[in-house]
Amino acid sequence: TEIYTLSLHDALPISSKAVSDRMDVLHGLKRLIFEADIKRVLKERAQLHRIVANETWLFGEEFSLTLSDKNLTKVLRAALVAAGRPDVVVDDVVKTPEGVNGIVDMMLTRYRTRFRPSEREHLIVELKRPSVKIDDAALGQARQYALAVVDDERYAKTDAHWTFWVVSNDMTTSVEHQARQRGRAHGHLEEGERYDIWVKTWGEILSDAEARLSFFQKQLAYEATDESALSHLRRMYEPFLPDRFKLPAAE
């Protein structure tokens, strides 16, 4: 059985099995990210990162993973290849204005419009542990990454826009004030000529993903449960789960 979901750009076929799997992922992630005794021990890079990097639909149907856990040099190289400019040489180390060779968690890419295939949007997702609030230091890091990319003269050879998301469960009071700016959507902190910086909570991301699936979930009459979600996460991501989510050794 094939059902379809429409994006702004394309119609994307999604099987009923994919919808039920996604519902299980959402249900399982809610437990991992929000339950106090689990989020406290959940590791960002070794666990959460490994799961969501394989579930890029969480960030939007059109995005696909380009790089994971790579430095800024490789990010710029990937952007040039995506733009059809592999001839542009990046043989030096790309650093932030503060001289740091930063490591980005995830780089995702999509076409901005089907009428201009060369015009792409690159989404850089910076994950924080669910138990850690997004603070001014995290925002400063995102700004440094943004400037490192858009101020590089080789970037001018690409027809792309960069969006930076800093993601966690919550944010400090200082960041919350910055996230509420008149005339902008909540979380939209900064808009440059070629980039945007956002703060996003997992609550927002998972709710948006759930809303996109709600129509198909109702058609299938499928309800994810603790049992189905845990079974799916174990089958797909057993090595990256906290100990209490793993199967006992005897099993």
Protein backbone atom coordinates (compact mmCIF):
# COMPACT_ATOMS: atom_id res chain seq x y z
CA THR A 1 0.00 0.00 0.00
CA GLU A 2 1.39 3.36 -1.04
CA ILE A 3 0.26 6.67 0.38
CA TYR A 4 1.63 10.09 -0.36
CA THR A 5 2.72 13.18 1.50
CA LEU A 6 3.09 16.51 -0.28
CA SER A 7 5.87 18.96 0.45
CA LEU A 8 6.33 22.45 -0.95
CA HIS A 9 8.66 21.01 -3.55
CA ASP A 10 7.70 17.48 -4.47
CA ALA A 11 5.29 14.64 -3.81
CA LEU A 12 7.15 12.01 -1.79
CA PRO A 13 5.84 8.43 -1.72
CA ILE A 14 5.85 6.90 1.78
CA SER A 15 4.80 3.32 2.45
CA SER A 16 2.45 2.44 5.29
CA LYS A 17 5.34 0.55 6.90
CA ALA A 18 7.48 3.71 6.80
CA VAL A 19 4.71 5.70 8.48
CA SER A 20 4.33 3.18 11.30
CA ASP A 21 8.11 3.03 11.73
CA ARG A 22 8.26 6.81 11.97
CA MET A 23 5.50 6.86 14.56
CA ASP A 24 7.49 4.35 16.60
CA VAL A 25 10.63 6.48 16.26
CA LEU A 26 8.76 9.56 17.47
CA HIS A 27 7.28 7.66 20.42
CA GLY A 28 10.68 6.22 21.33
CA LEU A 29 12.49 9.53 21.02
CA LYS A 30 9.99 11.19 23.33
CA ARG A 31 10.94 8.69 26.02
CA LEU A 32 14.67 9.05 25.38
CA ILE A 33 14.61 12.84 25.29
CA PHE A 34 11.99 13.81 27.86
CA GLU A 35 11.93 11.19 30.63
CA ALA A 36 14.03 12.65 33.44
CA ASP A 37 15.94 9.50 34.40
CA ILE A 38 16.76 8.70 30.76
CA LYS A 39 17.68 12.12 29.38
CA ARG A 40 20.08 12.57 32.28
CA VAL A 41 22.28 9.71 31.01
CA LEU A 42 21.60 10.01 27.28
CA LYS A 43 24.82 10.84 25.42
CA GLU A 44 24.65 13.41 22.65
CA ARG A 45 27.35 12.26 20.24
CA ALA A 46 27.51 8.52 20.91
CA GLN A 47 23.77 7.87 21.18
CA LEU A 48 21.25 10.57 20.21
CA HIS A 49 23.36 11.80 17.29
CA ARG A 50 23.68 8.27 15.89
CA ILE A 51 19.93 7.76 15.89
CA VAL A 52 18.71 11.07 14.44
CA ALA A 53 21.39 11.12 11.72
CA ASN A 54 19.53 8.15 10.23
CA GLU A 55 16.11 9.80 10.62
CA THR A 56 16.60 13.03 8.69
CA TRP A 57 12.84 13.27 7.95
CA LEU A 58 12.61 14.67 11.49
CA PHE A 59 14.04 17.93 10.13
CA GLY A 60 11.97 18.06 6.94
CA GLU A 61 11.04 15.63 4.18
CA GLU A 62 13.26 17.23 1.55
CA PHE A 63 16.52 17.03 3.48
CA SER A 64 19.11 14.29 3.10
CA LEU A 65 22.23 13.77 5.18
CA THR A 66 25.39 15.12 3.56
CA LEU A 67 27.92 14.91 6.40
CA SER A 68 27.95 13.83 10.02
CA ASP A 69 30.52 14.81 12.64
CA LYS A 70 32.92 16.49 10.18
CA ASN A 71 35.03 19.65 10.31
CA LEU A 72 34.38 22.94 8.51
CA THR A 73 36.86 22.13 5.76
CA LYS A 74 34.89 19.04 4.74
CA VAL A 75 31.64 20.98 5.07
CA LEU A 76 32.81 23.56 2.52
CA ARG A 77 34.13 20.85 0.20
CA ALA A 78 30.78 19.07 0.33
CA ALA A 79 28.94 22.32 -0.44
CA LEU A 80 31.12 22.92 -3.48
CA VAL A 81 30.56 19.38 -4.76
CA ALA A 82 26.79 19.77 -4.23
CA ALA A 83 26.94 23.01 -6.23
CA GLY A 84 28.67 21.25 -9.09
CA ARG A 85 31.99 22.98 -8.41
CA PRO A 86 34.39 20.17 -7.40
CA ASP A 87 37.05 22.06 -9.38
CA VAL A 88 37.31 24.67 -6.60
CA VAL A 89 40.22 23.53 -4.42
CA VAL A 90 39.93 23.55 -0.63
CA ASP A 91 43.38 22.40 0.43
CA ASP A 92 43.74 24.57 3.54
CA VAL A 93 42.00 24.29 6.90
CA VAL A 94 38.77 26.27 7.14
CA LYS A 95 38.54 27.90 10.57
CA THR A 96 36.11 30.15 12.41
CA PRO A 97 36.94 33.86 12.82
CA GLU A 98 38.29 32.90 16.25
CA GLY A 99 40.70 30.43 14.66
CA VAL A 100 38.87 27.24 15.61
CA ASN A 101 38.60 24.28 13.25
CA GLY A 102 35.05 23.46 14.33
CA ILE A 103 33.27 20.12 14.03
CA VAL A 104 29.63 20.25 12.92
CA ASP A 105 27.25 17.56 14.11
CA MET A 106 25.17 17.18 10.96
CA MET A 107 24.99 18.81 7.56
CA LEU A 108 21.80 18.17 5.58
CA THR A 109 21.00 19.39 2.08
CA ARG A 110 17.90 20.00 -0.01
CA TYR A 111 16.94 21.77 -3.22
CA ARG A 112 15.41 25.16 -2.39
CA THR A 113 13.28 25.03 -5.53
CA ARG A 114 12.76 22.40 -8.20
CA PHE A 115 12.95 25.13 -10.85
CA ARG A 116 16.58 25.94 -9.97
CA PRO A 117 18.33 22.63 -9.20
CA SER A 118 21.64 24.38 -8.47
CA GLU A 119 20.08 26.42 -5.65
CA ARG A 120 20.39 24.46 -2.44
CA GLU A 121 19.85 24.93 1.25
CA HIS A 122 22.33 23.42 3.68
CA LEU A 123 21.04 22.80 7.18
CA ILE A 124 23.65 22.54 9.94
CA VAL A 125 22.21 20.89 13.05
CA GLU A 126 24.11 21.31 16.30
CA LEU A 127 22.84 18.93 18.97
CA LYS A 128 23.11 19.41 22.71
CA ARG A 129 22.38 16.77 25.30
CA PRO A 130 18.69 16.95 26.28
CA SER A 131 19.77 17.65 29.86
CA VAL A 132 21.81 20.70 28.73
CA LYS A 133 20.11 24.02 27.97
CA ILE A 134 21.03 26.03 24.89
CA ASP A 135 23.07 28.97 26.18
CA ASP A 136 24.89 32.00 24.78
CA ALA A 137 28.04 29.95 24.25
CA ALA A 138 26.15 27.52 22.00
CA LEU A 139 24.75 30.44 19.99
CA GLY A 140 28.21 31.95 19.71
CA GLN A 141 29.49 28.67 18.28
CA ALA A 142 26.73 28.62 15.66
CA ARG A 143 27.52 32.21 14.65
CA GLN A 144 31.20 31.37 14.33
CA TYR A 145 30.38 28.43 12.08
CA ALA A 146 28.08 30.61 9.96
CA LEU A 147 30.71 33.30 9.48
CA ALA A 148 33.41 30.73 8.73
CA VAL A 149 31.37 29.44 5.80
CA VAL A 150 29.76 32.54 4.31
CA ASP A 151 32.86 34.73 4.63
CA ASP A 152 35.03 32.23 2.76
CA GLU A 153 35.57 33.56 -0.77
CA ARG A 154 35.09 30.07 -2.20
CA TYR A 155 31.54 30.05 -0.85
CA ALA A 156 30.72 32.79 -3.37
CA LYS A 157 31.08 30.10 -6.02
CA THR A 158 28.03 28.24 -4.67
CA ASP A 159 24.37 29.10 -5.13
CA ALA A 160 23.23 28.06 -1.67
CA HIS A 161 21.73 29.28 1.56
CA TRP A 162 22.86 28.09 5.01
CA THR A 163 20.55 27.50 7.95
CA PHE A 164 21.92 26.73 11.41
CA TRP A 165 19.86 25.04 14.12
CA VAL A 166 20.97 24.67 17.72
CA VAL A 167 18.84 21.94 19.28
CA SER A 168 18.10 20.81 22.83
CA ASN A 169 15.15 20.40 25.20
CA ASP A 170 15.30 23.88 26.63
CA MET A 171 17.20 27.17 26.58
CA THR A 172 18.47 29.64 29.14
CA THR A 173 16.51 32.77 29.99
CA SER A 174 18.98 34.86 27.98
CA VAL A 175 18.50 32.73 24.86
CA GLU A 176 14.73 32.66 25.33
CA HIS A 177 14.67 36.47 25.25
CA GLN A 178 16.70 36.43 22.03
CA ALA A 179 14.35 33.80 20.57
CA ARG A 180 11.40 36.19 20.94
CA GLN A 181 12.04 38.99 18.47
CA ARG A 182 9.34 41.18 17.02
CA GLY A 183 8.62 40.40 13.40
CA ARG A 184 10.30 36.98 13.45
CA ALA A 185 9.14 33.46 14.12
CA HIS A 186 9.98 32.16 17.58
CA GLY A 187 13.53 30.86 17.62
CA HIS A 188 14.76 32.83 14.60
CA LEU A 189 17.75 34.61 16.10
CA GLU A 190 19.68 36.04 13.20
CA GLU A 191 19.29 36.62 9.48
CA GLY A 192 22.30 37.28 7.31
CA GLU A 193 22.61 37.75 3.59
CA ARG A 194 23.24 34.05 3.05
CA TYR A 195 22.39 32.42 6.35
CA ASP A 196 19.89 32.13 9.19
CA ILE A 197 20.42 31.00 12.78
CA TRP A 198 17.68 29.34 14.81
CA VAL A 199 17.25 27.73 18.20
CA LYS A 200 14.91 24.75 18.20
CA THR A 201 13.60 22.60 21.01
CA TRP A 202 13.00 18.89 20.61
CA GLY A 203 9.40 19.56 21.59
CA GLU A 204 8.98 21.76 18.50
CA ILE A 205 10.82 19.40 16.15
CA LEU A 206 8.96 16.27 17.24
CA SER A 207 5.58 18.05 17.26
CA ASP A 208 6.16 19.33 13.72
CA ALA A 209 7.19 15.87 12.53
CA GLU A 210 4.17 14.31 14.21
CA ALA A 211 1.86 16.86 12.58
CA ARG A 212 3.23 15.97 9.14
CA LEU A 213 2.40 12.32 9.79
CA SER A 214 -0.94 12.82 11.53
CA PHE A 215 -3.14 12.49 8.43
CA PHE A 216 -1.52 9.20 7.40
CA GLN A 217 -1.47 7.91 10.96
CA LYS A 218 -5.23 8.43 11.14
CA GLN A 219 -5.76 6.69 7.81
CA LEU A 220 -3.76 3.70 9.02
CA ALA A 221 -5.34 3.80 12.48
CA TYR A 222 -1.88 3.03 13.87
CA GLU A 223 -0.94 3.97 17.41
CA ALA A 224 2.65 3.64 18.54
CA THR A 225 3.08 2.09 21.99
CA ASP A 226 5.99 1.76 24.40
CA GLU A 227 6.34 -1.85 23.28
CA SER A 228 6.30 -1.15 19.53
CA ALA A 229 8.63 1.87 19.88
CA LEU A 230 11.12 -0.04 22.03
CA SER A 231 11.06 -3.00 19.65
CA HIS A 232 11.76 -0.73 16.67
CA LEU A 233 14.60 1.16 18.40
CA ARG A 234 16.19 -2.08 19.54
CA ARG A 235 16.01 -3.52 16.05
CA MET A 236 17.46 -0.44 14.39
CA TYR A 237 19.66 1.21 17.02
CA GLU A 238 20.53 -1.28 19.74
CA PRO A 239 24.22 -0.20 20.04
CA PHE A 240 23.23 3.45 20.58
CA LEU A 241 20.60 3.01 23.28
CA PRO A 242 21.02 3.64 27.01
CA ASP A 243 21.50 0.42 28.96
CA ARG A 244 17.95 0.30 30.27
CA PHE A 245 16.64 0.23 26.69
CA LYS A 246 18.84 -2.67 25.59
CA LEU A 247 17.86 -6.31 25.66
CA PRO A 248 19.14 -8.26 28.68
CA ALA A 249 22.16 -10.41 27.84
CA ALA A 250 20.14 -13.63 28.25
CA GLU A 251 17.70 -12.50 25.56
